[in-house]
């Protein structure tokens, strides 16, 4: 059985449910504005969902519309978040709080040419 070269696979924007061309990162919200204001003091700090429901909302807003999120493959950031505590030095730096109190993934992209994994990671399947 030949494995697909998942390192080069990216989703096309028209394959992403909920994608709007030209969408900006600041348009992505998981909290109502009134609730988000309570988290604005955390700006720049690492973000970790408080529970599974919040994690599902975050994934739906960020991961589900990201061109790095290849079908049938977990995002490496998602796996790292699950494997480490928020104060662990290996916790992903990409998940942070914005100044408006909304969490964000700084690795999110709508660039179709974006690699689905870090360029520094060796290809273990090739």
PDB file of N, CA and C in Angstrom:
ATOM      1  N   UNK A   1       0.848  -1.186   0.000  1.00  0.00           N
ATOM      2  CA  UNK A   1       0.000   0.000   0.000  1.00  0.00           C
ATOM      3  C   UNK A   1       0.881   1.231   0.000  1.00  0.00           C
ATOM      4  N   UNK A   2       0.637   2.130  -0.929  1.00  0.00           N
ATOM      5  CA  UNK A   2       1.412   3.358  -1.014  1.00  0.00           C
ATOM      6  C   UNK A   2       0.710   4.453  -0.224  1.00  0.00           C
ATOM      7  N   UNK A   3       1.459   5.102   0.651  1.00  0.00           N
ATOM      8  CA  UNK A   3       0.898   6.178   1.469  1.00  0.00           C
ATOM      9  C   UNK A   3       0.914   7.481   0.688  1.00  0.00           C
ATOM     10  N   UNK A   4      -0.098   8.308   0.842  1.00  0.00           N
ATOM     11  CA  UNK A   4      -0.101   9.600   0.149  1.00  0.00           C
ATOM     12  C   UNK A   4       0.951  10.522   0.736  1.00  0.00           C
ATOM     13  N   UNK A   5       1.448  11.426  -0.074  1.00  0.00           N
ATOM     14  CA  UNK A   5       2.418  12.404   0.404  1.00  0.00           C
ATOM     15  C   UNK A   5       1.663  13.525   1.100  1.00  0.00           C
ATOM     16  N   UNK A   6       1.330  13.308   2.367  1.00  0.00           N
ATOM     17  CA  UNK A   6       0.517  14.269   3.101  1.00  0.00           C
ATOM     18  C   UNK A   6       1.249  15.565   3.391  1.00  0.00           C
ATOM     19  N   UNK A   7       2.580  15.550   3.271  1.00  0.00           N
ATOM     20  CA  UNK A   7       3.338  16.767   3.532  1.00  0.00           C
ATOM     21  C   UNK A   7       3.032  17.837   2.489  1.00  0.00           C
ATOM     22  N   UNK A   8       2.565  17.446   1.313  1.00  0.00           N
ATOM     23  CA  UNK A   8       2.292  18.412   0.262  1.00  0.00           C
ATOM     24  C   UNK A   8       0.806  18.680   0.067  1.00  0.00           C
ATOM     25  N   UNK A   9      -0.032  17.987   0.821  1.00  0.00           N
ATOM     26  CA  UNK A   9      -1.474  18.131   0.664  1.00  0.00           C
ATOM     27  C   UNK A   9      -1.966  19.381   1.374  1.00  0.00           C
ATOM     28  N   UNK A  10      -2.777  20.150   0.688  1.00  0.00           N
ATOM     29  CA  UNK A  10      -3.451  21.291   1.303  1.00  0.00           C
ATOM     30  C   UNK A  10      -4.885  21.304   0.806  1.00  0.00           C
ATOM     31  N   UNK A  11      -5.753  21.881   1.594  1.00  0.00           N
ATOM     32  CA  UNK A  11      -7.145  22.005   1.178  1.00  0.00           C
ATOM     33  C   UNK A  11      -7.299  23.243   0.314  1.00  0.00           C
ATOM     34  N   UNK A  12      -8.120  23.143  -0.684  1.00  0.00           N
ATOM     35  CA  UNK A  12      -8.439  24.282  -1.527  1.00  0.00           C
ATOM     36  C   UNK A  12      -9.538  25.080  -0.826  1.00  0.00           C
ATOM     37  N   UNK A  13      -9.513  26.409  -0.917  1.00  0.00           N
ATOM     38  CA  UNK A  13     -10.528  27.202  -0.226  1.00  0.00           C
ATOM     39  C   UNK A  13     -11.959  26.791  -0.556  1.00  0.00           C
ATOM     40  N   UNK A  14     -12.221  26.390  -1.802  1.00  0.00           N
ATOM     41  CA  UNK A  14     -13.583  26.010  -2.141  1.00  0.00           C
ATOM     42  C   UNK A  14     -14.002  24.676  -1.530  1.00  0.00           C
ATOM     43  N   UNK A  15     -13.061  23.951  -0.900  1.00  0.00           N
ATOM     44  CA  UNK A  15     -13.361  22.702  -0.210  1.00  0.00           C
ATOM     45  C   UNK A  15     -13.652  22.921   1.272  1.00  0.00           C
ATOM     46  N   UNK A  16     -13.499  24.136   1.739  1.00  0.00           N
ATOM     47  CA  UNK A  16     -13.622  24.444   3.158  1.00  0.00           C
ATOM     48  C   UNK A  16     -14.984  25.051   3.451  1.00  0.00           C
ATOM     49  N   UNK A  17     -15.792  24.330   4.217  1.00  0.00           N
ATOM     50  CA  UNK A  17     -17.116  24.824   4.578  1.00  0.00           C
ATOM     51  C   UNK A  17     -16.963  26.047   5.488  1.00  0.00           C
ATOM     52  N   UNK A  18     -17.663  27.099   5.172  1.00  0.00           N
ATOM     53  CA  UNK A  18     -17.619  28.303   5.991  1.00  0.00           C
ATOM     54  C   UNK A  18     -16.527  29.275   5.603  1.00  0.00           C
ATOM     55  N   UNK A  19     -15.730  28.941   4.581  1.00  0.00           N
ATOM     56  CA  UNK A  19     -14.653  29.838   4.157  1.00  0.00           C
ATOM     57  C   UNK A  19     -15.219  30.977   3.323  1.00  0.00           C
ATOM     58  N   UNK A  20     -14.760  32.174   3.580  1.00  0.00           N
ATOM     59  CA  UNK A  20     -15.116  33.335   2.786  1.00  0.00           C
ATOM     60  C   UNK A  20     -13.826  33.961   2.303  1.00  0.00           C
ATOM     61  N   UNK A  21     -13.697  34.135   0.986  1.00  0.00           N
ATOM     62  CA  UNK A  21     -12.463  34.695   0.442  1.00  0.00           C
ATOM     63  C   UNK A  21     -12.194  36.070   1.046  1.00  0.00           C
ATOM     64  N   UNK A  22     -10.954  36.312   1.404  1.00  0.00           N
ATOM     65  CA  UNK A  22     -10.566  37.574   1.997  1.00  0.00           C
ATOM     66  C   UNK A  22     -10.845  37.667   3.491  1.00  0.00           C
ATOM     67  N   UNK A  23     -11.250  36.556   4.078  1.00  0.00           N
ATOM     68  CA  UNK A  23     -11.566  36.547   5.508  1.00  0.00           C
ATOM     69  C   UNK A  23     -10.315  36.919   6.308  1.00  0.00           C
ATOM     70  N   UNK A  24     -10.475  37.785   7.275  1.00  0.00           N
ATOM     71  CA  UNK A  24      -9.360  38.224   8.107  1.00  0.00           C
ATOM     72  C   UNK A  24      -9.359  37.467   9.427  1.00  0.00           C
ATOM     73  N   UNK A  25      -8.177  37.330  10.028  1.00  0.00           N
ATOM     74  CA  UNK A  25      -8.092  36.631  11.300  1.00  0.00           C
ATOM     75  C   UNK A  25      -8.906  37.327  12.385  1.00  0.00           C
ATOM     76  N   UNK A  26      -9.026  38.649  12.327  1.00  0.00           N
ATOM     77  CA  UNK A  26      -9.776  39.363  13.361  1.00  0.00           C
ATOM     78  C   UNK A  26     -11.278  39.171  13.217  1.00  0.00           C
ATOM     79  N   UNK A  27     -11.740  38.609  12.092  1.00  0.00           N
ATOM     80  CA  UNK A  27     -13.158  38.309  11.908  1.00  0.00           C
ATOM     81  C   UNK A  27     -13.563  37.036  12.636  1.00  0.00           C
ATOM     82  N   UNK A  28     -12.603  36.234  13.035  1.00  0.00           N
ATOM     83  CA  UNK A  28     -12.875  34.930  13.634  1.00  0.00           C
ATOM     84  C   UNK A  28     -13.084  35.088  15.143  1.00  0.00           C
ATOM     85  N   UNK A  29     -14.262  34.674  15.585  1.00  0.00           N
ATOM     86  CA  UNK A  29     -14.607  34.825  17.003  1.00  0.00           C
ATOM     87  C   UNK A  29     -15.284  33.560  17.502  1.00  0.00           C
ATOM     88  N   UNK A  30     -14.992  33.191  18.763  1.00  0.00           N
ATOM     89  CA  UNK A  30     -15.717  32.076  19.378  1.00  0.00           C
ATOM     90  C   UNK A  30     -16.556  32.549  20.559  1.00  0.00           C
ATOM     91  N   UNK A  31     -16.255  33.728  21.088  1.00  0.00           N
ATOM     92  CA  UNK A  31     -17.017  34.284  22.206  1.00  0.00           C
ATOM     93  C   UNK A  31     -17.821  35.490  21.733  1.00  0.00           C
ATOM     94  N   UNK A  32     -18.964  35.733  22.369  1.00  0.00           N
ATOM     95  CA  UNK A  32     -19.690  36.969  22.139  1.00  0.00           C
ATOM     96  C   UNK A  32     -18.815  38.117  22.619  1.00  0.00           C
ATOM     97  N   UNK A  33     -18.964  39.286  22.007  1.00  0.00           N
ATOM     98  CA  UNK A  33     -18.114  40.425  22.369  1.00  0.00           C
ATOM     99  C   UNK A  33     -18.185  40.755  23.849  1.00  0.00           C
ATOM    100  N   UNK A  34     -19.377  40.666  24.434  1.00  0.00           N
ATOM    101  CA  UNK A  34     -19.533  40.964  25.858  1.00  0.00           C
ATOM    102  C   UNK A  34     -18.755  39.998  26.742  1.00  0.00           C
ATOM    103  N   UNK A  35     -18.672  38.744  26.323  1.00  0.00           N
ATOM    104  CA  UNK A  35     -17.905  37.747  27.083  1.00  0.00           C
ATOM    105  C   UNK A  35     -16.406  37.887  26.828  1.00  0.00           C
ATOM    106  N   UNK A  36     -16.043  38.211  25.601  1.00  0.00           N
ATOM    107  CA  UNK A  36     -14.633  38.293  25.227  1.00  0.00           C
ATOM    108  C   UNK A  36     -13.889  39.380  26.002  1.00  0.00           C
ATOM    109  N   UNK A  37     -14.594  40.452  26.373  1.00  0.00           N
ATOM    110  CA  UNK A  37     -13.924  41.554  27.070  1.00  0.00           C
ATOM    111  C   UNK A  37     -13.268  41.094  28.376  1.00  0.00           C
ATOM    112  N   UNK A  38     -13.795  40.017  28.974  1.00  0.00           N
ATOM    113  CA  UNK A  38     -13.218  39.505  30.219  1.00  0.00           C
ATOM    114  C   UNK A  38     -11.850  38.851  30.007  1.00  0.00           C
ATOM    115  N   UNK A  39     -11.555  38.520  28.763  1.00  0.00           N
ATOM    116  CA  UNK A  39     -10.285  37.846  28.458  1.00  0.00           C
ATOM    117  C   UNK A  39      -9.262  38.771  27.800  1.00  0.00           C
ATOM    118  N   UNK A  40      -9.602  40.023  27.579  1.00  0.00           N
ATOM    119  CA  UNK A  40      -8.686  40.942  26.890  1.00  0.00           C
ATOM    120  C   UNK A  40      -7.387  41.162  27.662  1.00  0.00           C
ATOM    121  N   UNK A  41      -7.405  41.001  28.978  1.00  0.00           N
ATOM    122  CA  UNK A  41      -6.185  41.168  29.778  1.00  0.00           C
ATOM    123  C   UNK A  41      -5.183  40.044  29.513  1.00  0.00           C
ATOM    124  N   UNK A  42      -5.637  38.967  28.883  1.00  0.00           N
ATOM    125  CA  UNK A  42      -4.761  37.832  28.590  1.00  0.00           C
ATOM    126  C   UNK A  42      -4.039  37.988  27.245  1.00  0.00           C
ATOM    127  N   UNK A  43      -4.186  39.114  26.578  1.00  0.00           N
ATOM    128  CA  UNK A  43      -3.616  39.324  25.244  1.00  0.00           C
ATOM    129  C   UNK A  43      -2.158  38.880  25.175  1.00  0.00           C
ATOM    130  N   UNK A  44      -1.867  38.034  24.176  1.00  0.00           N
ATOM    131  CA  UNK A  44      -0.508  37.540  23.962  1.00  0.00           C
ATOM    132  C   UNK A  44      -0.161  36.287  24.748  1.00  0.00           C
ATOM    133  N   UNK A  45      -0.990  35.932  25.730  1.00  0.00           N
ATOM    134  CA  UNK A  45      -0.735  34.733  26.525  1.00  0.00           C
ATOM    135  C   UNK A  45      -1.186  33.493  25.753  1.00  0.00           C
ATOM    136  N   UNK A  46      -0.652  32.325  26.102  1.00  0.00           N
ATOM    137  CA  UNK A  46      -1.097  31.093  25.439  1.00  0.00           C
ATOM    138  C   UNK A  46      -2.574  30.840  25.721  1.00  0.00           C
ATOM    139  N   UNK A  47      -3.251  30.280  24.722  1.00  0.00           N
ATOM    140  CA  UNK A  47      -4.665  29.950  24.857  1.00  0.00           C
ATOM    141  C   UNK A  47      -4.827  28.432  24.925  1.00  0.00           C
ATOM    142  N   UNK A  48      -5.699  28.000  25.812  1.00  0.00           N
ATOM    143  CA  UNK A  48      -6.091  26.591  25.887  1.00  0.00           C
ATOM    144  C   UNK A  48      -7.584  26.547  26.184  1.00  0.00           C
ATOM    145  N   UNK A  49      -8.359  25.809  25.379  1.00  0.00           N
ATOM    146  CA  UNK A  49      -9.797  25.724  25.646  1.00  0.00           C
ATOM    147  C   UNK A  49     -10.058  25.204  27.056  1.00  0.00           C
ATOM    148  N   UNK A  50     -11.073  25.764  27.709  1.00  0.00           N
ATOM    149  CA  UNK A  50     -11.390  25.367  29.080  1.00  0.00           C
ATOM    150  C   UNK A  50     -12.111  24.034  29.157  1.00  0.00           C
ATOM    151  N   UNK A  51     -12.751  23.642  28.048  1.00  0.00           N
ATOM    152  CA  UNK A  51     -13.502  22.381  28.036  1.00  0.00           C
ATOM    153  C   UNK A  51     -13.670  21.929  26.587  1.00  0.00           C
ATOM    154  N   UNK A  52     -14.260  20.766  26.410  1.00  0.00           N
ATOM    155  CA  UNK A  52     -14.425  20.200  25.076  1.00  0.00           C
ATOM    156  C   UNK A  52     -15.316  21.027  24.164  1.00  0.00           C
ATOM    157  N   UNK A  53     -16.356  21.629  24.733  1.00  0.00           N
ATOM    158  CA  UNK A  53     -17.248  22.445  23.922  1.00  0.00           C
ATOM    159  C   UNK A  53     -16.516  23.658  23.374  1.00  0.00           C
ATOM    160  N   UNK A  54     -15.765  24.339  24.240  1.00  0.00           N
ATOM    161  CA  UNK A  54     -14.995  25.493  23.779  1.00  0.00           C
ATOM    162  C   UNK A  54     -13.956  25.056  22.749  1.00  0.00           C
ATOM    163  N   UNK A  55     -13.341  23.899  22.972  1.00  0.00           N
ATOM    164  CA  UNK A  55     -12.377  23.365  22.008  1.00  0.00           C
ATOM    165  C   UNK A  55     -13.013  23.082  20.663  1.00  0.00           C
ATOM    166  N   UNK A  56     -14.249  22.559  20.669  1.00  0.00           N
ATOM    167  CA  UNK A  56     -14.968  22.315  19.421  1.00  0.00           C
ATOM    168  C   UNK A  56     -15.279  23.618  18.692  1.00  0.00           C
ATOM    169  N   UNK A  57     -15.683  24.647  19.436  1.00  0.00           N
ATOM    170  CA  UNK A  57     -15.933  25.949  18.813  1.00  0.00           C
ATOM    171  C   UNK A  57     -14.647  26.492  18.186  1.00  0.00           C
ATOM    172  N   UNK A  58     -13.562  26.431  18.949  1.00  0.00           N
ATOM    173  CA  UNK A  58     -12.284  26.933  18.448  1.00  0.00           C
ATOM    174  C   UNK A  58     -11.879  26.185  17.180  1.00  0.00           C
ATOM    175  N   UNK A  59     -11.962  24.856  17.216  1.00  0.00           N
ATOM    176  CA  UNK A  59     -11.600  24.057  16.044  1.00  0.00           C
ATOM    177  C   UNK A  59     -12.499  24.366  14.856  1.00  0.00           C
ATOM    178  N   UNK A  60     -13.777  24.583  15.115  1.00  0.00           N
ATOM    179  CA  UNK A  60     -14.700  24.901  14.040  1.00  0.00           C
ATOM    180  C   UNK A  60     -14.410  26.238  13.386  1.00  0.00           C
ATOM    181  N   UNK A  61     -13.983  27.203  14.174  1.00  0.00           N
ATOM    182  CA  UNK A  61     -13.688  28.537  13.650  1.00  0.00           C
ATOM    183  C   UNK A  61     -12.310  28.597  13.002  1.00  0.00           C
ATOM    184  N   UNK A  62     -11.323  27.996  13.630  1.00  0.00           N
ATOM    185  CA  UNK A  62      -9.946  28.107  13.142  1.00  0.00           C
ATOM    186  C   UNK A  62      -9.508  26.909  12.300  1.00  0.00           C
ATOM    187  N   UNK A  63      -9.530  25.734  12.859  1.00  0.00           N
ATOM    188  CA  UNK A  63      -8.978  24.554  12.184  1.00  0.00           C
ATOM    189  C   UNK A  63      -9.783  24.141  10.953  1.00  0.00           C
ATOM    190  N   UNK A  64     -11.112  24.205  11.049  1.00  0.00           N
ATOM    191  CA  UNK A  64     -11.962  23.744   9.954  1.00  0.00           C
ATOM    192  C   UNK A  64     -11.858  24.617   8.716  1.00  0.00           C
ATOM    193  N   UNK A  65     -11.374  25.841   8.866  1.00  0.00           N
ATOM    194  CA  UNK A  65     -11.264  26.741   7.717  1.00  0.00           C
ATOM    195  C   UNK A  65      -9.815  27.015   7.330  1.00  0.00           C
ATOM    196  N   UNK A  66      -8.894  26.212   7.833  1.00  0.00           N
ATOM    197  CA  UNK A  66      -7.463  26.421   7.570  1.00  0.00           C
ATOM    198  C   UNK A  66      -6.999  25.520   6.424  1.00  0.00           C
ATOM    199  N   UNK A  67      -6.243  26.083   5.497  1.00  0.00           N
ATOM    200  CA  UNK A  67      -5.729  25.305   4.371  1.00  0.00           C
ATOM    201  C   UNK A  67      -4.654  24.308   4.815  1.00  0.00           C
ATOM    202  N   UNK A  68      -4.111  24.450   6.025  1.00  0.00           N
ATOM    203  CA  UNK A  68      -3.140  23.473   6.537  1.00  0.00           C
ATOM    204  C   UNK A  68      -3.829  22.213   7.065  1.00  0.00           C
ATOM    205  N   UNK A  69      -5.120  22.305   7.318  1.00  0.00           N
ATOM    206  CA  UNK A  69      -5.875  21.206   7.903  1.00  0.00           C
ATOM    207  C   UNK A  69      -6.289  20.235   6.799  1.00  0.00           C
ATOM    208  N   UNK A  70      -5.435  19.264   6.554  1.00  0.00           N
ATOM    209  CA  UNK A  70      -5.638  18.296   5.481  1.00  0.00           C
ATOM    210  C   UNK A  70      -6.623  17.224   5.942  1.00  0.00           C
ATOM    211  N   UNK A  71      -7.586  16.856   5.093  1.00  0.00           N
ATOM    212  CA  UNK A  71      -8.526  15.799   5.487  1.00  0.00           C
ATOM    213  C   UNK A  71      -7.807  14.511   5.887  1.00  0.00           C
ATOM    214  N   UNK A  72      -8.380  13.805   6.845  1.00  0.00           N
ATOM    215  CA  UNK A  72      -7.851  12.529   7.342  1.00  0.00           C
ATOM    216  C   UNK A  72      -6.502  12.669   8.034  1.00  0.00           C
ATOM    217  N   UNK A  73      -6.195  13.862   8.541  1.00  0.00           N
ATOM    218  CA  UNK A  73      -4.917  14.055   9.231  1.00  0.00           C
ATOM    219  C   UNK A  73      -5.112  15.085  10.334  1.00  0.00           C
ATOM    220  N   UNK A  74      -4.676  14.746  11.541  1.00  0.00           N
ATOM    221  CA  UNK A  74      -4.739  15.704  12.643  1.00  0.00           C
ATOM    222  C   UNK A  74      -3.713  16.797  12.449  1.00  0.00           C
ATOM    223  N   UNK A  75      -4.072  17.996  12.786  1.00  0.00           N
ATOM    224  CA  UNK A  75      -3.127  19.108  12.779  1.00  0.00           C
ATOM    225  C   UNK A  75      -2.086  18.851  13.871  1.00  0.00           C
ATOM    226  N   UNK A  76      -0.836  19.090  13.559  1.00  0.00           N
ATOM    227  CA  UNK A  76       0.223  18.869  14.547  1.00  0.00           C
ATOM    228  C   UNK A  76       0.055  19.775  15.760  1.00  0.00           C
ATOM    229  N   UNK A  77      -0.497  20.954  15.551  1.00  0.00           N
ATOM    230  CA  UNK A  77      -0.724  21.871  16.671  1.00  0.00           C
ATOM    231  C   UNK A  77      -1.769  21.275  17.613  1.00  0.00           C
ATOM    232  N   UNK A  78      -2.864  20.744  17.059  1.00  0.00           N
ATOM    233  CA  UNK A  78      -3.900  20.114  17.888  1.00  0.00           C
ATOM    234  C   UNK A  78      -3.321  18.991  18.733  1.00  0.00           C
ATOM    235  N   UNK A  79      -2.492  18.162  18.145  1.00  0.00           N
ATOM    236  CA  UNK A  79      -1.899  17.054  18.889  1.00  0.00           C
ATOM    237  C   UNK A  79      -0.991  17.548  20.006  1.00  0.00           C
ATOM    238  N   UNK A  80      -0.229  18.587  19.725  1.00  0.00           N
ATOM    239  CA  UNK A  80       0.691  19.127  20.724  1.00  0.00           C
ATOM    240  C   UNK A  80      -0.074  19.759  21.883  1.00  0.00           C
ATOM    241  N   UNK A  81      -1.182  20.433  21.580  1.00  0.00           N
ATOM    242  CA  UNK A  81      -2.018  21.024  22.624  1.00  0.00           C
ATOM    243  C   UNK A  81      -2.530  19.938  23.569  1.00  0.00           C
ATOM    244  N   UNK A  82      -2.935  18.809  23.008  1.00  0.00           N
ATOM    245  CA  UNK A  82      -3.455  17.717  23.820  1.00  0.00           C
ATOM    246  C   UNK A  82      -2.372  17.039  24.655  1.00  0.00           C
ATOM    247  N   UNK A  83      -1.140  17.084  24.182  1.00  0.00           N
ATOM    248  CA  UNK A  83      -0.052  16.360  24.838  1.00  0.00           C
ATOM    249  C   UNK A  83       0.661  17.161  25.925  1.00  0.00           C
ATOM    250  N   UNK A  84       0.467  18.473  25.955  1.00  0.00           N
ATOM    251  CA  UNK A  84       1.230  19.309  26.884  1.00  0.00           C
ATOM    252  C   UNK A  84       0.326  20.217  27.711  1.00  0.00           C
ATOM    253  N   UNK A  85       0.773  20.522  28.917  1.00  0.00           N
ATOM    254  CA  UNK A  85       0.098  21.524  29.734  1.00  0.00           C
ATOM    255  C   UNK A  85       0.429  22.902  29.179  1.00  0.00           C
ATOM    256  N   UNK A  86      -0.417  23.864  29.471  1.00  0.00           N
ATOM    257  CA  UNK A  86      -0.248  25.206  28.926  1.00  0.00           C
ATOM    258  C   UNK A  86       1.053  25.871  29.370  1.00  0.00           C
ATOM    259  N   UNK A  87       1.577  25.498  30.533  1.00  0.00           N
ATOM    260  CA  UNK A  87       2.831  26.091  31.010  1.00  0.00           C
ATOM    261  C   UNK A  87       4.069  25.293  30.582  1.00  0.00           C
ATOM    262  N   UNK A  88       3.880  24.232  29.810  1.00  0.00           N
ATOM    263  CA  UNK A  88       4.985  23.417  29.302  1.00  0.00           C
ATOM    264  C   UNK A  88       5.702  24.198  28.195  1.00  0.00           C
ATOM    265  N   UNK A  89       7.031  24.191  28.162  1.00  0.00           N
ATOM    266  CA  UNK A  89       7.758  24.916  27.109  1.00  0.00           C
ATOM    267  C   UNK A  89       7.436  24.417  25.700  1.00  0.00           C
ATOM    268  N   UNK A  90       6.944  23.183  25.571  1.00  0.00           N
ATOM    269  CA  UNK A  90       6.604  22.639  24.257  1.00  0.00           C
ATOM    270  C   UNK A  90       5.153  22.907  23.843  1.00  0.00           C
ATOM    271  N   UNK A  91       4.383  23.599  24.701  1.00  0.00           N
ATOM    272  CA  UNK A  91       3.012  23.938  24.336  1.00  0.00           C
ATOM    273  C   UNK A  91       3.065  24.868  23.125  1.00  0.00           C
ATOM    274  N   UNK A  92       2.198  24.670  22.142  1.00  0.00           N
ATOM    275  CA  UNK A  92       2.258  25.474  20.910  1.00  0.00           C
ATOM    276  C   UNK A  92       2.164  26.976  21.159  1.00  0.00           C
ATOM    277  N   UNK A  93       3.035  27.699  20.522  1.00  0.00           N
ATOM    278  CA  UNK A  93       3.045  29.165  20.615  1.00  0.00           C
ATOM    279  C   UNK A  93       1.991  29.785  19.697  1.00  0.00           C
ATOM    280  N   UNK A  94       1.399  28.961  18.810  1.00  0.00           N
ATOM    281  CA  UNK A  94       0.450  29.471  17.824  1.00  0.00           C
ATOM    282  C   UNK A  94      -0.923  29.792  18.404  1.00  0.00           C
ATOM    283  N   UNK A  95      -1.302  29.154  19.492  1.00  0.00           N
ATOM    284  CA  UNK A  95      -2.619  29.405  20.097  1.00  0.00           C
ATOM    285  C   UNK A  95      -2.472  30.460  21.182  1.00  0.00           C
ATOM    286  N   UNK A  96      -2.983  31.659  20.913  1.00  0.00           N
ATOM    287  CA  UNK A  96      -2.836  32.779  21.847  1.00  0.00           C
ATOM    288  C   UNK A  96      -4.152  33.549  21.998  1.00  0.00           C
ATOM    289  N   UNK A  97      -4.189  34.413  23.005  1.00  0.00           N
ATOM    290  CA  UNK A  97      -5.307  35.329  23.204  1.00  0.00           C
ATOM    291  C   UNK A  97      -5.007  36.617  22.445  1.00  0.00           C
ATOM    292  N   UNK A  98      -6.011  37.154  21.743  1.00  0.00           N
ATOM    293  CA  UNK A  98      -5.885  38.448  21.074  1.00  0.00           C
ATOM    294  C   UNK A  98      -6.265  39.556  22.047  1.00  0.00           C
ATOM    295  N   UNK A  99      -5.952  40.789  21.687  1.00  0.00           N
ATOM    296  CA  UNK A  99      -6.275  41.950  22.530  1.00  0.00           C
ATOM    297  C   UNK A  99      -7.780  42.150  22.702  1.00  0.00           C
ATOM    298  N   UNK A 100      -8.585  41.639  21.759  1.00  0.00           N
ATOM    299  CA  UNK A 100     -10.036  41.784  21.870  1.00  0.00           C
ATOM    300  C   UNK A 100     -10.676  40.677  22.721  1.00  0.00           C
ATOM    301  N   UNK A 101      -9.841  39.815  23.325  1.00  0.00           N
ATOM    302  CA  UNK A 101     -10.351  38.760  24.201  1.00  0.00           C
ATOM    303  C   UNK A 101     -10.750  37.486  23.482  1.00  0.00           C
ATOM    304  N   UNK A 102     -10.476  37.407  22.201  1.00  0.00           N
ATOM    305  CA  UNK A 102     -10.762  36.205  21.419  1.00  0.00           C
ATOM    306  C   UNK A 102      -9.474  35.385  21.276  1.00  0.00           C
ATOM    307  N   UNK A 103      -9.583  34.062  21.299  1.00  0.00           N
ATOM    308  CA  UNK A 103      -8.402  33.242  21.038  1.00  0.00           C
ATOM    309  C   UNK A 103      -8.147  33.164  19.530  1.00  0.00           C
ATOM    310  N   UNK A 104      -6.917  32.883  19.165  1.00  0.00           N
ATOM    311  CA  UNK A 104      -6.604  32.733  17.747  1.00  0.00           C
ATOM    312  C   UNK A 104      -5.474  31.742  17.545  1.00  0.00           C
ATOM    313  N   UNK A 105      -5.425  31.178  16.362  1.00  0.00           N
ATOM    314  CA  UNK A 105      -4.290  30.347  15.945  1.00  0.00           C
ATOM    315  C   UNK A 105      -3.506  31.158  14.935  1.00  0.00           C
ATOM    316  N   UNK A 106      -2.290  31.530  15.283  1.00  0.00           N
ATOM    317  CA  UNK A 106      -1.482  32.356  14.382  1.00  0.00           C
ATOM    318  C   UNK A 106      -0.962  31.570  13.185  1.00  0.00           C
ATOM    319  N   UNK A 107      -1.124  30.249  13.175  1.00  0.00           N
ATOM    320  CA  UNK A 107      -0.703  29.429  12.030  1.00  0.00           C
ATOM    321  C   UNK A 107      -1.804  29.325  10.975  1.00  0.00           C
ATOM    322  N   UNK A 108      -3.017  29.837  11.281  1.00  0.00           N
ATOM    323  CA  UNK A 108      -4.134  29.742  10.326  1.00  0.00           C
ATOM    324  C   UNK A 108      -3.776  30.439   9.034  1.00  0.00           C
ATOM    325  N   UNK A 109      -4.157  29.824   7.924  1.00  0.00           N
ATOM    326  CA  UNK A 109      -3.897  30.436   6.625  1.00  0.00           C
ATOM    327  C   UNK A 109      -4.973  30.039   5.624  1.00  0.00           C
ATOM    328  N   UNK A 110      -5.189  30.921   4.667  1.00  0.00           N
ATOM    329  CA  UNK A 110      -6.041  30.579   3.536  1.00  0.00           C
ATOM    330  C   UNK A 110      -5.183  30.449   2.276  1.00  0.00           C
ATOM    331  N   UNK A 111      -3.866  30.395   2.467  1.00  0.00           N
ATOM    332  CA  UNK A 111      -2.912  30.226   1.372  1.00  0.00           C
ATOM    333  C   UNK A 111      -2.875  28.762   0.946  1.00  0.00           C
ATOM    334  N   UNK A 112      -3.300  28.488  -0.268  1.00  0.00           N
ATOM    335  CA  UNK A 112      -3.360  27.120  -0.770  1.00  0.00           C
ATOM    336  C   UNK A 112      -1.988  26.461  -0.865  1.00  0.00           C
ATOM    337  N   UNK A 113      -0.932  27.251  -0.949  1.00  0.00           N
ATOM    338  CA  UNK A 113       0.412  26.690  -1.082  1.00  0.00           C
ATOM    339  C   UNK A 113       1.072  26.424   0.273  1.00  0.00           C
ATOM    340  N   UNK A 114       0.379  26.735   1.358  1.00  0.00           N
ATOM    341  CA  UNK A 114       0.953  26.555   2.700  1.00  0.00           C
ATOM    342  C   UNK A 114       1.194  25.071   2.983  1.00  0.00           C
ATOM    343  N   UNK A 115       2.356  24.750   3.529  1.00  0.00           N
ATOM    344  CA  UNK A 115       2.602  23.348   3.876  1.00  0.00           C
ATOM    345  C   UNK A 115       1.724  22.929   5.052  1.00  0.00           C
ATOM    346  N   UNK A 116       1.352  21.661   5.076  1.00  0.00           N
ATOM    347  CA  UNK A 116       0.504  21.184   6.166  1.00  0.00           C
ATOM    348  C   UNK A 116       1.310  20.795   7.383  1.00  0.00           C
ATOM    349  N   UNK A 117       2.610  20.886   7.297  1.00  0.00           N
ATOM    350  CA  UNK A 117       3.456  20.603   8.456  1.00  0.00           C
ATOM    351  C   UNK A 117       4.642  21.554   8.434  1.00  0.00           C
ATOM    352  N   UNK A 118       5.336  21.636   9.525  1.00  0.00           N
ATOM    353  CA  UNK A 118       6.500  22.497   9.672  1.00  0.00           C
ATOM    354  C   UNK A 118       7.592  22.083   8.690  1.00  0.00           C
ATOM    355  N   UNK A 119       8.214  23.053   8.038  1.00  0.00           N
ATOM    356  CA  UNK A 119       9.274  22.768   7.073  1.00  0.00           C
ATOM    357  C   UNK A 119      10.500  22.157   7.732  1.00  0.00           C
ATOM    358  N   UNK A 120      10.635  22.338   9.046  1.00  0.00           N
ATOM    359  CA  UNK A 120      11.777  21.798   9.775  1.00  0.00           C
ATOM    360  C   UNK A 120      11.573  20.331  10.218  1.00  0.00           C
ATOM    361  N   UNK A 121      10.344  19.835  10.070  1.00  0.00           N
ATOM    362  CA  UNK A 121      10.041  18.464  10.480  1.00  0.00           C
ATOM    363  C   UNK A 121      10.438  17.498   9.371  1.00  0.00           C
ATOM    364  N   UNK A 122      11.210  16.477   9.721  1.00  0.00           N
ATOM    365  CA  UNK A 122      11.627  15.493   8.741  1.00  0.00           C
ATOM    366  C   UNK A 122      10.433  14.672   8.253  1.00  0.00           C
ATOM    367  N   UNK A 123      10.467  14.259   7.003  1.00  0.00           N
ATOM    368  CA  UNK A 123       9.410  13.415   6.447  1.00  0.00           C
ATOM    369  C   UNK A 123       9.710  11.978   6.824  1.00  0.00           C
ATOM    370  N   UNK A 124       8.959  11.446   7.777  1.00  0.00           N
ATOM    371  CA  UNK A 124       9.209  10.098   8.274  1.00  0.00           C
ATOM    372  C   UNK A 124       8.665   9.029   7.346  1.00  0.00           C
ATOM    373  N   UNK A 125       7.801   9.410   6.401  1.00  0.00           N
ATOM    374  CA  UNK A 125       7.201   8.428   5.511  1.00  0.00           C
ATOM    375  C   UNK A 125       7.903   8.357   4.156  1.00  0.00           C
ATOM    376  N   UNK A 126       8.753   9.339   3.873  1.00  0.00           N
ATOM    377  CA  UNK A 126       9.378   9.410   2.538  1.00  0.00           C
ATOM    378  C   UNK A 126      10.695   8.806   2.527  1.00  0.00           C
TER     379      UNK A 126
END
